[in-house]
Amino acid sequence: MIKTISFNELRRIKESLPEGSIHRIADELHTTVQTVRNYFGGTDYEYGSNCGLHIEPGPDGGCVVLDDTTILEMAEKILEESRTQS
């Protein structure tokens, strides 16, 4: 599923994740931690791959088109879990 989101919103989601969430997502998807970081705007492609993230300049950090929302959906699920545990 393709989704469009602002770059700043994508970063806010990443920064809101509880400690260890990036590792949890990487483990569950059998991918590298750096690939998950790249999904949230990182650019280290030597140790991680591109996850179909396309950034276009614009307001609020620009427009990000996500080709696959799996990592975003997992992050939102983790955020919801952390809210219900609080």
N, C-alpha and C. Protein backbone atom coordinates (compact mmCIF):
# COMPACT_ATOMS: atom_id res chain seq x y z
N MET A 1 0.84 -1.17 0.00
CA MET A 1 0.00 0.00 0.00
C MET A 1 0.89 1.24 0.00
N ILE A 2 0.63 2.18 -0.85
CA ILE A 2 1.39 3.42 -0.94
C ILE A 2 0.75 4.46 -0.01
N LYS A 3 1.61 5.22 0.68
CA LYS A 3 1.12 6.26 1.59
C LYS A 3 2.00 7.49 1.44
N THR A 4 1.38 8.66 1.54
CA THR A 4 2.11 9.92 1.52
C THR A 4 2.02 10.54 2.90
N ILE A 5 3.16 11.01 3.41
CA ILE A 5 3.23 11.58 4.75
C ILE A 5 4.31 12.67 4.71
N SER A 6 4.25 13.64 5.59
CA SER A 6 5.31 14.65 5.61
C SER A 6 6.55 14.05 6.26
N PHE A 7 7.71 14.53 5.84
CA PHE A 7 8.96 14.03 6.41
C PHE A 7 9.00 14.29 7.91
N ASN A 8 8.57 15.46 8.33
CA ASN A 8 8.59 15.79 9.75
C ASN A 8 7.67 14.88 10.56
N GLU A 9 6.53 14.49 10.00
CA GLU A 9 5.62 13.57 10.70
C GLU A 9 6.27 12.19 10.82
N LEU A 10 6.93 11.75 9.77
CA LEU A 10 7.62 10.46 9.81
C LEU A 10 8.70 10.48 10.89
N ARG A 11 9.45 11.57 10.99
CA ARG A 11 10.48 11.69 12.03
C ARG A 11 9.86 11.75 13.42
N ARG A 12 8.71 12.43 13.56
CA ARG A 12 8.04 12.49 14.87
C ARG A 12 7.64 11.11 15.33
N ILE A 13 7.15 10.29 14.40
CA ILE A 13 6.77 8.92 14.75
C ILE A 13 8.00 8.15 15.23
N LYS A 14 9.10 8.25 14.49
CA LYS A 14 10.33 7.55 14.88
C LYS A 14 10.80 7.99 16.26
N GLU A 15 10.81 9.29 16.48
CA GLU A 15 11.30 9.83 17.75
C GLU A 15 10.37 9.51 18.92
N SER A 16 9.12 9.19 18.66
CA SER A 16 8.16 8.84 19.70
C SER A 16 8.23 7.37 20.11
N LEU A 17 8.92 6.57 19.31
CA LEU A 17 8.98 5.13 19.59
C LEU A 17 9.75 4.87 20.87
N PRO A 18 9.28 3.91 21.67
CA PRO A 18 10.02 3.53 22.88
C PRO A 18 11.38 2.93 22.54
N GLU A 19 12.28 2.97 23.48
CA GLU A 19 13.62 2.40 23.32
C GLU A 19 13.54 0.95 22.85
N GLY A 20 14.35 0.62 21.87
CA GLY A 20 14.41 -0.75 21.37
C GLY A 20 13.43 -1.06 20.25
N SER A 21 12.58 -0.12 19.89
CA SER A 21 11.55 -0.37 18.87
C SER A 21 12.15 -0.61 17.49
N ILE A 22 13.20 0.13 17.15
CA ILE A 22 13.82 -0.04 15.83
C ILE A 22 14.37 -1.47 15.72
N HIS A 23 15.01 -1.94 16.78
CA HIS A 23 15.53 -3.32 16.78
C HIS A 23 14.39 -4.34 16.71
N ARG A 24 13.32 -4.07 17.42
CA ARG A 24 12.17 -4.98 17.39
C ARG A 24 11.58 -5.10 15.98
N ILE A 25 11.42 -3.95 15.32
CA ILE A 25 10.88 -3.95 13.95
C ILE A 25 11.82 -4.72 13.03
N ALA A 26 13.11 -4.44 13.14
CA ALA A 26 14.10 -5.12 12.29
C ALA A 26 14.06 -6.63 12.52
N ASP A 27 13.99 -7.04 13.78
CA ASP A 27 13.95 -8.48 14.09
C ASP A 27 12.70 -9.13 13.52
N GLU A 28 11.56 -8.50 13.71
CA GLU A 28 10.30 -9.09 13.24
C GLU A 28 10.23 -9.15 11.71
N LEU A 29 10.90 -8.23 11.03
CA LEU A 29 10.87 -8.22 9.56
C LEU A 29 12.10 -8.90 8.95
N HIS A 30 12.97 -9.43 9.81
CA HIS A 30 14.18 -10.11 9.34
C HIS A 30 14.99 -9.22 8.41
N THR A 31 15.22 -7.99 8.87
CA THR A 31 16.02 -7.03 8.10
C THR A 31 17.01 -6.38 9.05
N THR A 32 17.83 -5.49 8.54
CA THR A 32 18.83 -4.83 9.38
C THR A 32 18.23 -3.63 10.09
N VAL A 33 18.83 -3.30 11.21
CA VAL A 33 18.42 -2.11 11.96
C VAL A 33 18.60 -0.87 11.09
N GLN A 34 19.69 -0.83 10.33
CA GLN A 34 19.95 0.35 9.49
C GLN A 34 18.90 0.50 8.40
N THR A 35 18.36 -0.59 7.89
CA THR A 35 17.30 -0.50 6.89
C THR A 35 16.07 0.17 7.50
N VAL A 36 15.75 -0.17 8.74
CA VAL A 36 14.61 0.47 9.42
C VAL A 36 14.91 1.94 9.65
N ARG A 37 16.12 2.26 10.05
CA ARG A 37 16.50 3.67 10.23
C ARG A 37 16.41 4.44 8.91
N ASN A 38 16.84 3.80 7.82
CA ASN A 38 16.75 4.44 6.51
C ASN A 38 15.29 4.72 6.15
N TYR A 39 14.39 3.85 6.54
CA TYR A 39 12.96 4.05 6.29
C TYR A 39 12.48 5.35 6.93
N PHE A 40 13.03 5.66 8.10
CA PHE A 40 12.63 6.86 8.82
C PHE A 40 13.49 8.07 8.47
N GLY A 41 14.21 8.00 7.34
CA GLY A 41 14.95 9.14 6.86
C GLY A 41 16.45 9.02 6.94
N GLY A 42 16.97 7.91 7.45
CA GLY A 42 18.41 7.71 7.48
C GLY A 42 18.95 7.54 6.06
N THR A 43 20.26 7.64 5.92
CA THR A 43 20.84 7.54 4.58
C THR A 43 22.08 6.67 4.54
N ASP A 44 22.21 5.71 5.43
CA ASP A 44 23.37 4.82 5.43
C ASP A 44 23.01 3.57 4.64
N TYR A 45 23.29 3.60 3.34
CA TYR A 45 22.94 2.48 2.48
C TYR A 45 24.05 1.44 2.38
N GLU A 46 25.19 1.70 3.05
CA GLU A 46 26.26 0.70 3.08
C GLU A 46 25.84 -0.48 3.95
N TYR A 47 25.14 -0.21 5.06
CA TYR A 47 24.73 -1.26 5.99
C TYR A 47 23.23 -1.52 5.99
N GLY A 48 22.49 -0.77 5.23
CA GLY A 48 21.04 -0.95 5.15
C GLY A 48 20.60 -0.67 3.73
N SER A 49 19.36 -1.04 3.44
CA SER A 49 18.87 -0.82 2.08
C SER A 49 17.78 0.25 2.07
N ASN A 50 17.41 0.65 0.87
CA ASN A 50 16.32 1.59 0.68
C ASN A 50 15.02 0.81 0.76
N CYS A 51 14.05 1.35 1.47
CA CYS A 51 12.77 0.65 1.65
C CYS A 51 11.65 1.31 0.86
N GLY A 52 11.94 1.87 -0.28
CA GLY A 52 10.90 2.49 -1.09
C GLY A 52 10.44 3.81 -0.52
N LEU A 53 11.39 4.60 -0.08
CA LEU A 53 11.12 5.91 0.50
C LEU A 53 11.51 6.96 -0.52
N HIS A 54 10.57 7.81 -0.91
CA HIS A 54 10.82 8.84 -1.91
C HIS A 54 10.48 10.19 -1.29
N ILE A 55 11.47 11.08 -1.20
CA ILE A 55 11.27 12.38 -0.56
C ILE A 55 11.27 13.47 -1.62
N GLU A 56 10.25 14.31 -1.56
CA GLU A 56 10.14 15.47 -2.44
C GLU A 56 10.21 16.72 -1.57
N PRO A 57 11.02 17.71 -1.94
CA PRO A 57 11.12 18.93 -1.14
C PRO A 57 9.77 19.63 -1.01
N GLY A 58 9.58 20.30 0.11
CA GLY A 58 8.36 21.05 0.34
C GLY A 58 8.22 21.44 1.78
N PRO A 59 7.08 22.02 2.15
CA PRO A 59 6.85 22.43 3.53
C PRO A 59 6.80 21.23 4.47
N ASP A 60 7.06 21.48 5.75
CA ASP A 60 7.03 20.46 6.80
C ASP A 60 8.03 19.34 6.53
N GLY A 61 9.19 19.72 5.98
CA GLY A 61 10.24 18.75 5.70
C GLY A 61 10.12 18.07 4.37
N GLY A 62 9.07 18.34 3.66
CA GLY A 62 8.85 17.72 2.36
C GLY A 62 7.83 16.61 2.43
N CYS A 63 7.53 16.09 1.28
CA CYS A 63 6.53 15.04 1.13
C CYS A 63 7.26 13.71 0.95
N VAL A 64 6.87 12.71 1.72
CA VAL A 64 7.48 11.39 1.62
C VAL A 64 6.43 10.42 1.09
N VAL A 65 6.79 9.71 0.04
CA VAL A 65 5.92 8.67 -0.51
C VAL A 65 6.52 7.33 -0.11
N LEU A 66 5.75 6.55 0.62
CA LEU A 66 6.19 5.23 1.08
C LEU A 66 5.58 4.17 0.18
N ASP A 67 6.42 3.39 -0.49
CA ASP A 67 5.93 2.32 -1.35
C ASP A 67 5.34 1.17 -0.55
N ASP A 68 5.86 0.96 0.65
CA ASP A 68 5.42 -0.13 1.51
C ASP A 68 5.25 0.43 2.91
N THR A 69 4.09 0.27 3.49
CA THR A 69 3.80 0.86 4.81
C THR A 69 4.01 -0.12 5.96
N THR A 70 4.60 -1.26 5.72
CA THR A 70 4.74 -2.28 6.77
C THR A 70 5.48 -1.74 7.98
N ILE A 71 6.62 -1.09 7.78
CA ILE A 71 7.39 -0.56 8.91
C ILE A 71 6.61 0.53 9.63
N LEU A 72 5.97 1.41 8.89
CA LEU A 72 5.16 2.46 9.50
C LEU A 72 4.03 1.86 10.32
N GLU A 73 3.36 0.86 9.80
CA GLU A 73 2.26 0.22 10.53
C GLU A 73 2.76 -0.46 11.80
N MET A 74 3.93 -1.08 11.75
CA MET A 74 4.50 -1.69 12.94
C MET A 74 4.84 -0.63 13.97
N ALA A 75 5.40 0.50 13.52
CA ALA A 75 5.73 1.60 14.44
C ALA A 75 4.46 2.15 15.10
N GLU A 76 3.41 2.32 14.32
CA GLU A 76 2.15 2.82 14.88
C GLU A 76 1.57 1.82 15.88
N LYS A 77 1.70 0.53 15.61
CA LYS A 77 1.23 -0.51 16.53
C LYS A 77 2.01 -0.44 17.85
N ILE A 78 3.33 -0.28 17.76
CA ILE A 78 4.16 -0.17 18.96
C ILE A 78 3.78 1.07 19.76
N LEU A 79 3.55 2.19 19.08
CA LEU A 79 3.12 3.41 19.77
C LEU A 79 1.80 3.21 20.49
N GLU A 80 0.86 2.52 19.84
CA GLU A 80 -0.43 2.24 20.47
C GLU A 80 -0.27 1.34 21.68
N GLU A 81 0.59 0.33 21.57
CA GLU A 81 0.86 -0.56 22.72
C GLU A 81 1.44 0.22 23.89
N SER A 82 2.35 1.14 23.59
CA SER A 82 2.98 1.91 24.67
C SER A 82 1.98 2.86 25.32
N ARG A 83 1.02 3.36 24.54
CA ARG A 83 -0.03 4.24 25.11
C ARG A 83 -0.96 3.47 26.03
N THR A 84 -1.30 2.26 25.64
CA THR A 84 -2.24 1.49 26.47
C THR A 84 -1.57 0.94 27.73
N GLN A 85 -0.25 0.82 27.71
CA GLN A 85 0.48 0.35 28.90
C GLN A 85 0.74 1.46 29.90
N SER A 86 0.62 2.70 29.45
CA SER A 86 0.90 3.85 30.34
C SER A 86 -0.23 4.12 31.28
